[in-house]
Each structure stands twice: as structure tokens, then as C-alpha cells.
Amino acid sequence: MSAEDTLAVCMLLVLLIAAGTLTTILVSLMRNAGRKDELAELLKDEEMSTELEIEPAGPEEESGQPWEKDADWWRD
């Protein structure tokens, strides 16, 4: 076998390995495409339950400092 033949065989082996890798990835994606993820369902349920417990972001009573203006000072 000459040097040119060795190069061609090595290139074919690299291409076969790459094609096999892509085929494996595609087959695993197709097999798992319809399967529901249990962890995603659990996280979705937890997110729904925490949405109801969220409190308003702002403070209930304004505890402004003496040097601060009221929030609606511009309306006067």
C-alpha cells in the first residue's frame, strides 16, 4: 500500500466515524422525541405552586427619609 492509499483510507475512516456519530445522535433524538421528561413536569408543577405565593414587590408602607420628596411631587 502506498502513501497515497494510506491517506485515502485514513480519510475514509474519519468520514465513517463522523457519519456514525451523526447517525447515533439522530437516532437517539428520534427515539426520545416523544418521551416526556419527568423532571420538567416536576419543575413545571413547582413553578405553578410558587406563582400563587408571590407577594407584591413594593413596600407596603413608605418609609421615606426626611430629605426625600414624595413619589407624586410633580402632580402638585
PDB file of N, CA and C in Angstrom:
ATOM      1  N   MET A   1       0.859  -1.170   0.000  1.00  0.00           N
ATOM      2  CA  MET A   1       0.000   0.000   0.000  1.00  0.00           C
ATOM      3  C   MET A   1       0.907   1.235   0.000  1.00  0.00           C
ATOM      4  N   SER A   2       0.604   2.158  -0.866  1.00  0.00           N
ATOM      5  CA  SER A   2       1.435   3.352  -0.989  1.00  0.00           C
ATOM      6  C   SER A   2       0.964   4.423  -0.008  1.00  0.00           C
ATOM      7  N   ALA A   3       1.698   5.513   0.073  1.00  0.00           N
ATOM      8  CA  ALA A   3       1.380   6.604   0.989  1.00  0.00           C
ATOM      9  C   ALA A   3       0.058   7.268   0.616  1.00  0.00           C
ATOM     10  N   GLU A   4      -0.220   7.362  -0.696  1.00  0.00           N
ATOM     11  CA  GLU A   4      -1.480   7.967  -1.132  1.00  0.00           C
ATOM     12  C   GLU A   4      -2.675   7.108  -0.728  1.00  0.00           C
ATOM     13  N   ASP A   5      -2.498   5.796  -0.810  1.00  0.00           N
ATOM     14  CA  ASP A   5      -3.574   4.885  -0.419  1.00  0.00           C
ATOM     15  C   ASP A   5      -3.831   4.963   1.090  1.00  0.00           C
ATOM     16  N   THR A   6      -2.786   5.101   1.871  1.00  0.00           N
ATOM     17  CA  THR A   6      -2.930   5.210   3.322  1.00  0.00           C
ATOM     18  C   THR A   6      -3.695   6.484   3.683  1.00  0.00           C
ATOM     19  N   LEU A   7      -3.371   7.566   3.005  1.00  0.00           N
ATOM     20  CA  LEU A   7      -4.082   8.816   3.249  1.00  0.00           C
ATOM     21  C   LEU A   7      -5.571   8.677   2.907  1.00  0.00           C
ATOM     22  N   ALA A   8      -5.881   8.062   1.782  1.00  0.00           N
ATOM     23  CA  ALA A   8      -7.273   7.882   1.369  1.00  0.00           C
ATOM     24  C   ALA A   8      -8.029   6.982   2.353  1.00  0.00           C
ATOM     25  N   VAL A   9      -7.392   5.930   2.819  1.00  0.00           N
ATOM     26  CA  VAL A   9      -8.031   5.012   3.775  1.00  0.00           C
ATOM     27  C   VAL A   9      -8.279   5.729   5.097  1.00  0.00           C
ATOM     28  N   CYS A  10      -7.319   6.516   5.545  1.00  0.00           N
ATOM     29  CA  CYS A  10      -7.497   7.265   6.796  1.00  0.00           C
ATOM     30  C   CYS A  10      -8.626   8.277   6.671  1.00  0.00           C
ATOM     31  N   MET A  11      -8.719   8.949   5.538  1.00  0.00           N
ATOM     32  CA  MET A  11      -9.803   9.908   5.328  1.00  0.00           C
ATOM     33  C   MET A  11     -11.155   9.203   5.306  1.00  0.00           C
ATOM     34  N   LEU A  12     -11.216   8.036   4.685  1.00  0.00           N
ATOM     35  CA  LEU A  12     -12.468   7.278   4.681  1.00  0.00           C
ATOM     36  C   LEU A  12     -12.859   6.834   6.084  1.00  0.00           C
ATOM     37  N   LEU A  13     -11.875   6.429   6.879  1.00  0.00           N
ATOM     38  CA  LEU A  13     -12.168   6.040   8.260  1.00  0.00           C
ATOM     39  C   LEU A  13     -12.693   7.227   9.068  1.00  0.00           C
ATOM     40  N   VAL A  14     -12.097   8.390   8.889  1.00  0.00           N
ATOM     41  CA  VAL A  14     -12.559   9.582   9.606  1.00  0.00           C
ATOM     42  C   VAL A  14     -13.991   9.917   9.182  1.00  0.00           C
ATOM     43  N   LEU A  15     -14.279   9.842   7.892  1.00  0.00           N
ATOM     44  CA  LEU A  15     -15.634  10.119   7.410  1.00  0.00           C
ATOM     45  C   LEU A  15     -16.639   9.095   7.930  1.00  0.00           C
ATOM     46  N   LEU A  16     -16.256   7.839   8.004  1.00  0.00           N
ATOM     47  CA  LEU A  16     -17.154   6.813   8.539  1.00  0.00           C
ATOM     48  C   LEU A  16     -17.435   7.030  10.026  1.00  0.00           C
ATOM     49  N   ILE A  17     -16.404   7.403  10.773  1.00  0.00           N
ATOM     50  CA  ILE A  17     -16.604   7.670  12.204  1.00  0.00           C
ATOM     51  C   ILE A  17     -17.519   8.873  12.390  1.00  0.00           C
ATOM     52  N   ALA A  18     -17.327   9.930  11.585  1.00  0.00           N
ATOM     53  CA  ALA A  18     -18.182  11.118  11.687  1.00  0.00           C
ATOM     54  C   ALA A  18     -19.620  10.776  11.315  1.00  0.00           C
ATOM     55  N   ALA A  19     -19.811   9.996  10.262  1.00  0.00           N
ATOM     56  CA  ALA A  19     -21.166   9.608   9.855  1.00  0.00           C
ATOM     57  C   ALA A  19     -21.817   8.736  10.922  1.00  0.00           C
ATOM     58  N   GLY A  20     -21.068   7.848  11.521  1.00  0.00           N
ATOM     59  CA  GLY A  20     -21.603   7.008  12.585  1.00  0.00           C
ATOM     60  C   GLY A  20     -22.003   7.817  13.806  1.00  0.00           C
ATOM     61  N   THR A  21     -21.206   8.816  14.143  1.00  0.00           N
ATOM     62  CA  THR A  21     -21.528   9.684  15.277  1.00  0.00           C
ATOM     63  C   THR A  21     -22.813  10.455  15.019  1.00  0.00           C
ATOM     64  N   LEU A  22     -22.921  11.046  13.829  1.00  0.00           N
ATOM     65  CA  LEU A  22     -24.139  11.787  13.494  1.00  0.00           C
ATOM     66  C   LEU A  22     -25.362  10.877  13.461  1.00  0.00           C
ATOM     67  N   THR A  23     -25.201   9.688  12.931  1.00  0.00           N
ATOM     68  CA  THR A  23     -26.318   8.741  12.892  1.00  0.00           C
ATOM     69  C   THR A  23     -26.758   8.358  14.296  1.00  0.00           C
ATOM     70  N   THR A  24     -25.805   8.124  15.178  1.00  0.00           N
ATOM     71  CA  THR A  24     -26.135   7.779  16.562  1.00  0.00           C
ATOM     72  C   THR A  24     -26.891   8.913  17.243  1.00  0.00           C
ATOM     73  N   ILE A  25     -26.445  10.138  17.029  1.00  0.00           N
ATOM     74  CA  ILE A  25     -27.117  11.293  17.635  1.00  0.00           C
ATOM     75  C   ILE A  25     -28.532  11.430  17.102  1.00  0.00           C
ATOM     76  N   LEU A  26     -28.700  11.314  15.797  1.00  0.00           N
ATOM     77  CA  LEU A  26     -30.033  11.449  15.202  1.00  0.00           C
ATOM     78  C   LEU A  26     -30.976  10.346  15.661  1.00  0.00           C
ATOM     79  N   VAL A  27     -30.490   9.118  15.758  1.00  0.00           N
ATOM     80  CA  VAL A  27     -31.336   8.008  16.209  1.00  0.00           C
ATOM     81  C   VAL A  27     -31.758   8.217  17.653  1.00  0.00           C
ATOM     82  N   SER A  28     -30.829   8.651  18.505  1.00  0.00           N
ATOM     83  CA  SER A  28     -31.200   8.868  19.905  1.00  0.00           C
ATOM     84  C   SER A  28     -32.181  10.028  20.039  1.00  0.00           C
ATOM     85  N   LEU A  29     -32.044  11.065  19.206  1.00  0.00           N
ATOM     86  CA  LEU A  29     -33.006  12.167  19.230  1.00  0.00           C
ATOM     87  C   LEU A  29     -34.389  11.702  18.791  1.00  0.00           C
ATOM     88  N   MET A  30     -34.442  10.887  17.774  1.00  0.00           N
ATOM     89  CA  MET A  30     -35.742  10.411  17.279  1.00  0.00           C
ATOM     90  C   MET A  30     -36.406   9.486  18.295  1.00  0.00           C
ATOM     91  N   ARG A  31     -35.629   8.687  19.002  1.00  0.00           N
ATOM     92  CA  ARG A  31     -36.210   7.775  19.994  1.00  0.00           C
ATOM     93  C   ARG A  31     -36.772   8.526  21.195  1.00  0.00           C
ATOM     94  N   ASN A  32     -36.108   9.611  21.592  1.00  0.00           N
ATOM     95  CA  ASN A  32     -36.506  10.332  22.795  1.00  0.00           C
ATOM     96  C   ASN A  32     -37.369  11.552  22.510  1.00  0.00           C
ATOM     97  N   ALA A  33     -37.744  11.779  21.273  1.00  0.00           N
ATOM     98  CA  ALA A  33     -38.508  12.979  20.934  1.00  0.00           C
ATOM     99  C   ALA A  33     -39.902  12.959  21.548  1.00  0.00           C
ATOM    100  N   GLY A  34     -40.557  11.837  21.583  1.00  0.00           N
ATOM    101  CA  GLY A  34     -41.911  11.760  22.101  1.00  0.00           C
ATOM    102  C   GLY A  34     -41.999  11.507  23.588  1.00  0.00           C
ATOM    103  N   ARG A  35     -40.906  11.211  24.219  1.00  0.00           N
ATOM    104  CA  ARG A  35     -40.904  10.875  25.641  1.00  0.00           C
ATOM    105  C   ARG A  35     -40.996  12.137  26.483  1.00  0.00           C
ATOM    106  N   LYS A  36     -41.866  12.134  27.482  1.00  0.00           N
ATOM    107  CA  LYS A  36     -41.998  13.279  28.375  1.00  0.00           C
ATOM    108  C   LYS A  36     -40.928  13.201  29.449  1.00  0.00           C
ATOM    109  N   ASP A  37     -40.417  14.349  29.783  1.00  0.00           N
ATOM    110  CA  ASP A  37     -39.380  14.433  30.797  1.00  0.00           C
ATOM    111  C   ASP A  37     -40.039  14.604  32.169  1.00  0.00           C
ATOM    112  N   GLU A  38     -39.769  13.673  33.073  1.00  0.00           N
ATOM    113  CA  GLU A  38     -40.384  13.724  34.399  1.00  0.00           C
ATOM    114  C   GLU A  38     -39.885  14.931  35.190  1.00  0.00           C
ATOM    115  N   LEU A  39     -38.632  15.247  35.049  1.00  0.00           N
ATOM    116  CA  LEU A  39     -38.074  16.382  35.777  1.00  0.00           C
ATOM    117  C   LEU A  39     -38.715  17.687  35.316  1.00  0.00           C
ATOM    118  N   ALA A  40     -38.957  17.813  34.026  1.00  0.00           N
ATOM    119  CA  ALA A  40     -39.595  19.024  33.517  1.00  0.00           C
ATOM    120  C   ALA A  40     -41.012  19.153  34.070  1.00  0.00           C
ATOM    121  N   GLU A  41     -41.718  18.061  34.179  1.00  0.00           N
ATOM    122  CA  GLU A  41     -43.070  18.094  34.745  1.00  0.00           C
ATOM    123  C   GLU A  41     -43.038  18.505  36.214  1.00  0.00           C
ATOM    124  N   LEU A  42     -42.081  17.976  36.969  1.00  0.00           N
ATOM    125  CA  LEU A  42     -41.969  18.342  38.384  1.00  0.00           C
ATOM    126  C   LEU A  42     -41.643  19.825  38.538  1.00  0.00           C
ATOM    127  N   LEU A  43     -40.729  20.322  37.713  1.00  0.00           N
ATOM    128  CA  LEU A  43     -40.382  21.739  37.791  1.00  0.00           C
ATOM    129  C   LEU A  43     -41.557  22.615  37.379  1.00  0.00           C
ATOM    130  N   LYS A  44     -42.327  22.165  36.406  1.00  0.00           N
ATOM    131  CA  LYS A  44     -43.491  22.924  35.968  1.00  0.00           C
ATOM    132  C   LYS A  44     -44.534  23.005  37.081  1.00  0.00           C
ATOM    133  N   ASP A  45     -44.757  21.882  37.777  1.00  0.00           N
ATOM    134  CA  ASP A  45     -45.701  21.874  38.896  1.00  0.00           C
ATOM    135  C   ASP A  45     -45.218  22.787  40.018  1.00  0.00           C
ATOM    136  N   GLU A  46     -43.928  22.758  40.298  1.00  0.00           N
ATOM    137  CA  GLU A  46     -43.382  23.599  41.364  1.00  0.00           C
ATOM    138  C   GLU A  46     -43.499  25.070  40.992  1.00  0.00           C
ATOM    139  N   GLU A  47     -43.292  25.390  39.744  1.00  0.00           N
ATOM    140  CA  GLU A  47     -43.400  26.778  39.295  1.00  0.00           C
ATOM    141  C   GLU A  47     -44.838  27.273  39.439  1.00  0.00           C
ATOM    142  N   MET A  48     -45.803  26.432  39.129  1.00  0.00           N
ATOM    143  CA  MET A  48     -47.207  26.819  39.241  1.00  0.00           C
ATOM    144  C   MET A  48     -47.571  27.074  40.707  1.00  0.00           C
ATOM    145  N   SER A  49     -47.037  26.271  41.631  1.00  0.00           N
ATOM    146  CA  SER A  49     -47.388  26.437  43.031  1.00  0.00           C
ATOM    147  C   SER A  49     -46.723  27.676  43.632  1.00  0.00           C
ATOM    148  N   THR A  50     -45.548  28.046  43.158  1.00  0.00           N
ATOM    149  CA  THR A  50     -44.876  29.215  43.724  1.00  0.00           C
ATOM    150  C   THR A  50     -45.422  30.514  43.148  1.00  0.00           C
ATOM    151  N   GLU A  51     -46.082  30.470  42.007  1.00  0.00           N
ATOM    152  CA  GLU A  51     -46.649  31.687  41.434  1.00  0.00           C
ATOM    153  C   GLU A  51     -47.737  32.270  42.333  1.00  0.00           C
ATOM    154  N   LEU A  52     -48.467  31.429  42.993  1.00  0.00           N
ATOM    155  CA  LEU A  52     -49.558  31.889  43.830  1.00  0.00           C
ATOM    156  C   LEU A  52     -49.068  32.509  45.131  1.00  0.00           C
ATOM    157  N   GLU A  53     -47.855  32.172  45.550  1.00  0.00           N
ATOM    158  CA  GLU A  53     -47.337  32.646  46.832  1.00  0.00           C
ATOM    159  C   GLU A  53     -46.528  33.926  46.710  1.00  0.00           C
ATOM    160  N   ILE A  54     -46.412  34.479  45.535  1.00  0.00           N
ATOM    161  CA  ILE A  54     -45.586  35.667  45.330  1.00  0.00           C
ATOM    162  C   ILE A  54     -46.277  36.882  45.944  1.00  0.00           C
ATOM    163  N   GLU A  55     -45.515  37.643  46.722  1.00  0.00           N
ATOM    164  CA  GLU A  55     -46.040  38.850  47.347  1.00  0.00           C
ATOM    165  C   GLU A  55     -45.695  40.053  46.481  1.00  0.00           C
ATOM    166  N   PRO A  56     -46.388  41.147  46.650  1.00  0.00           N
ATOM    167  CA  PRO A  56     -46.049  42.345  45.881  1.00  0.00           C
ATOM    168  C   PRO A  56     -44.610  42.784  46.137  1.00  0.00           C
ATOM    169  N   ALA A  57     -43.997  43.352  45.126  1.00  0.00           N
ATOM    170  CA  ALA A  57     -42.582  43.675  45.219  1.00  0.00           C
ATOM    171  C   ALA A  57     -42.326  44.938  46.037  1.00  0.00           C
ATOM    172  N   GLY A  58     -43.234  45.884  45.994  1.00  0.00           N
ATOM    173  CA  GLY A  58     -43.009  47.154  46.677  1.00  0.00           C
ATOM    174  C   GLY A  58     -43.294  47.077  48.163  1.00  0.00           C
ATOM    175  N   PRO A  59     -42.766  48.028  48.917  1.00  0.00           N
ATOM    176  CA  PRO A  59     -43.047  48.052  50.356  1.00  0.00           C
ATOM    177  C   PRO A  59     -44.488  48.485  50.611  1.00  0.00           C
ATOM    178  N   GLU A  60     -45.069  47.968  51.670  1.00  0.00           N
ATOM    179  CA  GLU A  60     -46.460  48.297  51.983  1.00  0.00           C
ATOM    180  C   GLU A  60     -46.578  49.730  52.488  1.00  0.00           C
ATOM    181  N   GLU A  61     -45.656  50.137  53.320  1.00  0.00           N
ATOM    182  CA  GLU A  61     -45.660  51.499  53.844  1.00  0.00           C
ATOM    183  C   GLU A  61     -44.395  52.193  53.364  1.00  0.00           C
ATOM    184  N   GLU A  62     -44.571  53.420  52.956  1.00  0.00           N
ATOM    185  CA  GLU A  62     -43.396  54.158  52.515  1.00  0.00           C
ATOM    186  C   GLU A  62     -42.662  54.689  53.736  1.00  0.00           C
ATOM    187  N   SER A  63     -41.454  54.282  53.858  1.00  0.00           N
ATOM    188  CA  SER A  63     -40.638  54.757  54.974  1.00  0.00           C
ATOM    189  C   SER A  63     -39.556  55.668  54.409  1.00  0.00           C
ATOM    190  N   GLY A  64     -39.995  56.802  53.901  1.00  0.00           N
ATOM    191  CA  GLY A  64     -39.068  57.737  53.283  1.00  0.00           C
ATOM    192  C   GLY A  64     -38.266  58.496  54.309  1.00  0.00           C
ATOM    193  N   GLN A  65     -37.116  58.909  53.894  1.00  0.00           N
ATOM    194  CA  GLN A  65     -36.253  59.718  54.740  1.00  0.00           C
ATOM    195  C   GLN A  65     -36.732  61.169  54.673  1.00  0.00           C
ATOM    196  N   PRO A  66     -36.407  61.975  55.664  1.00  0.00           N
ATOM    197  CA  PRO A  66     -36.897  63.354  55.693  1.00  0.00           C
ATOM    198  C   PRO A  66     -36.455  64.182  54.488  1.00  0.00           C
ATOM    199  N   TRP A  67     -35.338  63.874  53.882  1.00  0.00           N
ATOM    200  CA  TRP A  67     -34.858  64.670  52.757  1.00  0.00           C
ATOM    201  C   TRP A  67     -35.433  64.209  51.416  1.00  0.00           C
ATOM    202  N   GLU A  68     -36.175  63.092  51.398  1.00  0.00           N
ATOM    203  CA  GLU A  68     -36.743  62.594  50.153  1.00  0.00           C
ATOM    204  C   GLU A  68     -38.082  63.250  49.870  1.00  0.00           C
ATOM    205  N   LYS A  69     -38.359  63.486  48.585  1.00  0.00           N
ATOM    206  CA  LYS A  69     -39.650  64.016  48.169  1.00  0.00           C
ATOM    207  C   LYS A  69     -40.645  62.876  48.049  1.00  0.00           C
ATOM    208  N   ASP A  70     -41.939  63.223  48.097  1.00  0.00           N
ATOM    209  CA  ASP A  70     -42.949  62.200  47.875  1.00  0.00           C
ATOM    210  C   ASP A  70     -42.866  61.704  46.441  1.00  0.00           C
ATOM    211  N   ALA A  71     -43.430  60.510  46.194  1.00  0.00           N
ATOM    212  CA  ALA A  71     -43.356  59.928  44.868  1.00  0.00           C
ATOM    213  C   ALA A  71     -44.144  60.715  43.851  1.00  0.00           C
ATOM    214  N   ASP A  72     -45.222  61.418  44.271  1.00  0.00           N
ATOM    215  CA  ASP A  72     -46.034  62.171  43.324  1.00  0.00           C
ATOM    216  C   ASP A  72     -45.848  63.678  43.498  1.00  0.00           C
ATOM    217  N   TRP A  73     -44.631  64.112  43.758  1.00  0.00           N
ATOM    218  CA  TRP A  73     -44.347  65.536  43.973  1.00  0.00           C
ATOM    219  C   TRP A  73     -44.639  66.359  42.731  1.00  0.00           C
ATOM    220  N   TRP A  74     -44.524  65.771  41.576  1.00  0.00           N
ATOM    221  CA  TRP A  74     -44.707  66.508  40.339  1.00  0.00           C
ATOM    222  C   TRP A  74     -46.185  66.777  40.031  1.00  0.00           C
ATOM    223  N   ARG A  75     -47.097  66.134  40.730  1.00  0.00           N
ATOM    224  CA  ARG A  75     -48.534  66.329  40.476  1.00  0.00           C
ATOM    225  C   ARG A  75     -49.074  67.593  41.133  1.00  0.00           C
ATOM    226  N   ASP A  76     -48.372  68.145  42.073  1.00  0.00           N
ATOM    227  CA  ASP A  76     -48.865  69.331  42.805  1.00  0.00           C
ATOM    228  C   ASP A  76     -48.971  70.543  41.935  1.00  0.00           C
TER     229      ASP A  76
END
